[in-house]
Amino acid sequence: MHRRVPWRTHSTAQIIDTLNKEINAGLADPKMKERLVDLGSTPLAQSPGDFGKLFADEINKWAKVIQFANIKVE
C-alpha cells in the first residue's frame, strides 16, 4: 500500500542531503559495491546536483533517440 507522507517544503533539501550521505556511505562499503556490481549495477557516489545533471542529460539523450526513431506510445 502506498501512502503519501506530508513533508514540509523546507525539509526536502535536508532529506535529500541525508539520503545522499547515507547512500554514498553504503557505496563506500566494498561488499555493498561488489553486490551491486554482481546485480548488474554501476554504483556511482554522487552529489544530488551531479545526479540531477546526469538525469537531465539522460532524458535529453533518449528524447533525441525517440524523436529520431519516430517512436510513438501505443
N, C-alpha and C. Protein backbone atom coordinates (compact mmCIF):
# COMPACT_ATOMS: atom_id res chain seq x y z
N MET A 1 0.85 -1.18 0.00
CA MET A 1 0.00 0.00 0.00
C MET A 1 0.89 1.24 0.00
N HIS A 2 0.57 2.17 -0.86
CA HIS A 2 1.34 3.41 -0.96
C HIS A 2 0.62 4.50 -0.20
N ARG A 3 1.36 5.18 0.65
CA ARG A 3 0.79 6.31 1.38
C ARG A 3 1.62 7.54 1.12
N ARG A 4 0.97 8.63 1.01
CA ARG A 4 1.67 9.90 0.86
C ARG A 4 2.06 10.41 2.24
N VAL A 5 3.29 10.86 2.33
CA VAL A 5 3.77 11.41 3.59
C VAL A 5 3.87 12.92 3.43
N PRO A 6 3.18 13.67 4.27
CA PRO A 6 3.25 15.13 4.13
C PRO A 6 4.60 15.66 4.60
N TRP A 7 5.37 16.20 3.68
CA TRP A 7 6.67 16.78 4.01
C TRP A 7 6.56 18.29 3.93
N ARG A 8 7.25 18.95 4.80
CA ARG A 8 7.33 20.39 4.70
C ARG A 8 8.30 20.73 3.59
N THR A 9 8.01 21.77 2.85
CA THR A 9 8.85 22.16 1.72
C THR A 9 10.29 22.39 2.13
N HIS A 10 10.53 23.05 3.23
CA HIS A 10 11.90 23.35 3.64
C HIS A 10 12.66 22.10 4.08
N SER A 11 11.96 21.00 4.34
CA SER A 11 12.61 19.77 4.76
C SER A 11 13.19 18.99 3.58
N THR A 12 12.74 19.26 2.39
CA THR A 12 13.12 18.47 1.23
C THR A 12 14.63 18.43 1.02
N ALA A 13 15.30 19.56 1.05
CA ALA A 13 16.76 19.60 0.85
C ALA A 13 17.47 18.82 1.95
N GLN A 14 16.99 18.94 3.16
CA GLN A 14 17.61 18.22 4.28
C GLN A 14 17.44 16.71 4.09
N ILE A 15 16.28 16.28 3.67
CA ILE A 15 16.02 14.86 3.44
C ILE A 15 16.91 14.34 2.32
N ILE A 16 16.98 15.08 1.23
CA ILE A 16 17.82 14.68 0.10
C ILE A 16 19.28 14.59 0.53
N ASP A 17 19.76 15.57 1.27
CA ASP A 17 21.15 15.55 1.74
C ASP A 17 21.42 14.36 2.65
N THR A 18 20.48 14.05 3.54
CA THR A 18 20.64 12.91 4.44
C THR A 18 20.66 11.60 3.67
N LEU A 19 19.71 11.43 2.75
CA LEU A 19 19.68 10.22 1.93
C LEU A 19 20.95 10.09 1.10
N ASN A 20 21.40 11.18 0.51
CA ASN A 20 22.61 11.16 -0.30
C ASN A 20 23.82 10.74 0.53
N LYS A 21 23.93 11.29 1.72
CA LYS A 21 25.05 10.96 2.61
C LYS A 21 25.04 9.47 2.95
N GLU A 22 23.89 8.93 3.28
CA GLU A 22 23.79 7.53 3.67
C GLU A 22 23.99 6.58 2.48
N ILE A 23 23.45 6.94 1.33
CA ILE A 23 23.65 6.12 0.13
C ILE A 23 25.13 6.10 -0.25
N ASN A 24 25.78 7.25 -0.23
CA ASN A 24 27.20 7.30 -0.56
C ASN A 24 28.03 6.53 0.45
N ALA A 25 27.63 6.54 1.72
CA ALA A 25 28.34 5.76 2.74
C ALA A 25 28.19 4.26 2.43
N GLY A 26 27.01 3.85 2.02
CA GLY A 26 26.81 2.45 1.62
C GLY A 26 27.65 2.08 0.43
N LEU A 27 27.74 2.98 -0.54
CA LEU A 27 28.53 2.72 -1.75
C LEU A 27 30.03 2.68 -1.45
N ALA A 28 30.44 3.26 -0.33
CA ALA A 28 31.85 3.22 0.06
C ALA A 28 32.24 1.86 0.64
N ASP A 29 31.24 1.06 1.01
CA ASP A 29 31.48 -0.28 1.55
C ASP A 29 31.79 -1.23 0.40
N PRO A 30 33.00 -1.81 0.36
CA PRO A 30 33.37 -2.69 -0.75
C PRO A 30 32.41 -3.87 -0.96
N LYS A 31 31.86 -4.42 0.12
CA LYS A 31 30.92 -5.54 -0.02
C LYS A 31 29.63 -5.09 -0.70
N MET A 32 29.15 -3.92 -0.32
CA MET A 32 27.93 -3.38 -0.92
C MET A 32 28.17 -3.08 -2.39
N LYS A 33 29.29 -2.46 -2.68
CA LYS A 33 29.63 -2.11 -4.06
C LYS A 33 29.74 -3.37 -4.91
N GLU A 34 30.41 -4.40 -4.38
CA GLU A 34 30.56 -5.66 -5.11
C GLU A 34 29.20 -6.30 -5.38
N ARG A 35 28.32 -6.27 -4.39
CA ARG A 35 26.98 -6.86 -4.55
C ARG A 35 26.19 -6.13 -5.63
N LEU A 36 26.27 -4.82 -5.64
CA LEU A 36 25.57 -4.05 -6.66
C LEU A 36 26.12 -4.36 -8.06
N VAL A 37 27.42 -4.49 -8.16
CA VAL A 37 28.03 -4.85 -9.44
C VAL A 37 27.57 -6.23 -9.87
N ASP A 38 27.52 -7.18 -8.92
CA ASP A 38 27.05 -8.53 -9.22
C ASP A 38 25.61 -8.52 -9.73
N LEU A 39 24.83 -7.56 -9.30
CA LEU A 39 23.43 -7.44 -9.73
C LEU A 39 23.29 -6.68 -11.05
N GLY A 40 24.45 -6.25 -11.61
CA GLY A 40 24.42 -5.58 -12.90
C GLY A 40 24.37 -4.06 -12.82
N SER A 41 24.57 -3.52 -11.64
CA SER A 41 24.53 -2.07 -11.47
C SER A 41 25.91 -1.46 -11.63
N THR A 42 25.94 -0.17 -11.88
CA THR A 42 27.18 0.59 -11.89
C THR A 42 27.08 1.61 -10.76
N PRO A 43 27.58 1.26 -9.57
CA PRO A 43 27.44 2.17 -8.43
C PRO A 43 28.24 3.46 -8.62
N LEU A 44 27.58 4.58 -8.42
CA LEU A 44 28.21 5.90 -8.53
C LEU A 44 27.87 6.72 -7.30
N ALA A 45 28.88 7.09 -6.54
CA ALA A 45 28.66 8.00 -5.42
C ALA A 45 28.69 9.42 -5.99
N GLN A 46 27.57 10.12 -5.86
CA GLN A 46 27.45 11.44 -6.46
C GLN A 46 26.75 12.40 -5.50
N SER A 47 26.91 13.68 -5.80
CA SER A 47 26.13 14.69 -5.07
C SER A 47 24.74 14.75 -5.69
N PRO A 48 23.76 15.30 -4.98
CA PRO A 48 22.44 15.45 -5.58
C PRO A 48 22.48 16.28 -6.87
N GLY A 49 23.33 17.29 -6.92
CA GLY A 49 23.44 18.11 -8.13
C GLY A 49 24.00 17.32 -9.30
N ASP A 50 25.02 16.50 -9.03
CA ASP A 50 25.60 15.66 -10.08
C ASP A 50 24.57 14.68 -10.61
N PHE A 51 23.79 14.09 -9.70
CA PHE A 51 22.76 13.15 -10.13
C PHE A 51 21.70 13.86 -10.96
N GLY A 52 21.30 15.05 -10.54
CA GLY A 52 20.31 15.81 -11.29
C GLY A 52 20.78 16.11 -12.71
N LYS A 53 22.07 16.44 -12.85
CA LYS A 53 22.63 16.71 -14.18
C LYS A 53 22.65 15.44 -15.01
N LEU A 54 23.09 14.32 -14.41
CA LEU A 54 23.10 13.04 -15.12
C LEU A 54 21.70 12.68 -15.58
N PHE A 55 20.72 12.84 -14.71
CA PHE A 55 19.33 12.52 -15.03
C PHE A 55 18.83 13.37 -16.20
N ALA A 56 19.08 14.67 -16.13
CA ALA A 56 18.65 15.57 -17.21
C ALA A 56 19.35 15.24 -18.52
N ASP A 57 20.63 14.92 -18.46
CA ASP A 57 21.37 14.55 -19.67
C ASP A 57 20.80 13.27 -20.29
N GLU A 58 20.45 12.31 -19.46
CA GLU A 58 19.87 11.05 -19.96
C GLU A 58 18.50 11.29 -20.60
N ILE A 59 17.70 12.13 -19.99
CA ILE A 59 16.38 12.47 -20.55
C ILE A 59 16.56 13.08 -21.94
N ASN A 60 17.47 14.04 -22.05
CA ASN A 60 17.71 14.69 -23.34
C ASN A 60 18.23 13.71 -24.38
N LYS A 61 19.17 12.84 -23.97
CA LYS A 61 19.74 11.87 -24.91
C LYS A 61 18.65 10.94 -25.46
N TRP A 62 17.85 10.37 -24.57
CA TRP A 62 16.84 9.41 -25.01
C TRP A 62 15.68 10.09 -25.72
N ALA A 63 15.40 11.34 -25.41
CA ALA A 63 14.37 12.07 -26.14
C ALA A 63 14.77 12.22 -27.60
N LYS A 64 16.05 12.49 -27.85
CA LYS A 64 16.54 12.60 -29.23
C LYS A 64 16.42 11.28 -29.96
N VAL A 65 16.73 10.18 -29.29
CA VAL A 65 16.61 8.85 -29.90
C VAL A 65 15.15 8.57 -30.25
N ILE A 66 14.26 8.87 -29.34
CA ILE A 66 12.83 8.63 -29.55
C ILE A 66 12.32 9.47 -30.71
N GLN A 67 12.72 10.73 -30.77
CA GLN A 67 12.28 11.60 -31.86
C GLN A 67 12.86 11.11 -33.20
N PHE A 68 14.14 10.78 -33.23
CA PHE A 68 14.78 10.34 -34.46
C PHE A 68 14.13 9.07 -34.99
N ALA A 69 13.83 8.14 -34.09
CA ALA A 69 13.23 6.85 -34.47
C ALA A 69 11.71 6.96 -34.66
N ASN A 70 11.17 8.13 -34.39
CA ASN A 70 9.72 8.36 -34.51
C ASN A 70 8.93 7.35 -33.70
N ILE A 71 9.36 7.12 -32.47
CA ILE A 71 8.70 6.16 -31.59
C ILE A 71 7.46 6.82 -31.00
N LYS A 72 6.36 6.09 -31.04
CA LYS A 72 5.09 6.60 -30.53
C LYS A 72 4.57 5.68 -29.42
N VAL A 73 3.85 6.23 -28.48
CA VAL A 73 3.21 5.46 -27.41
C VAL A 73 2.00 4.77 -28.00
N GLU A 74 1.86 3.50 -27.69
CA GLU A 74 0.69 2.75 -28.19
C GLU A 74 -0.35 2.60 -27.11
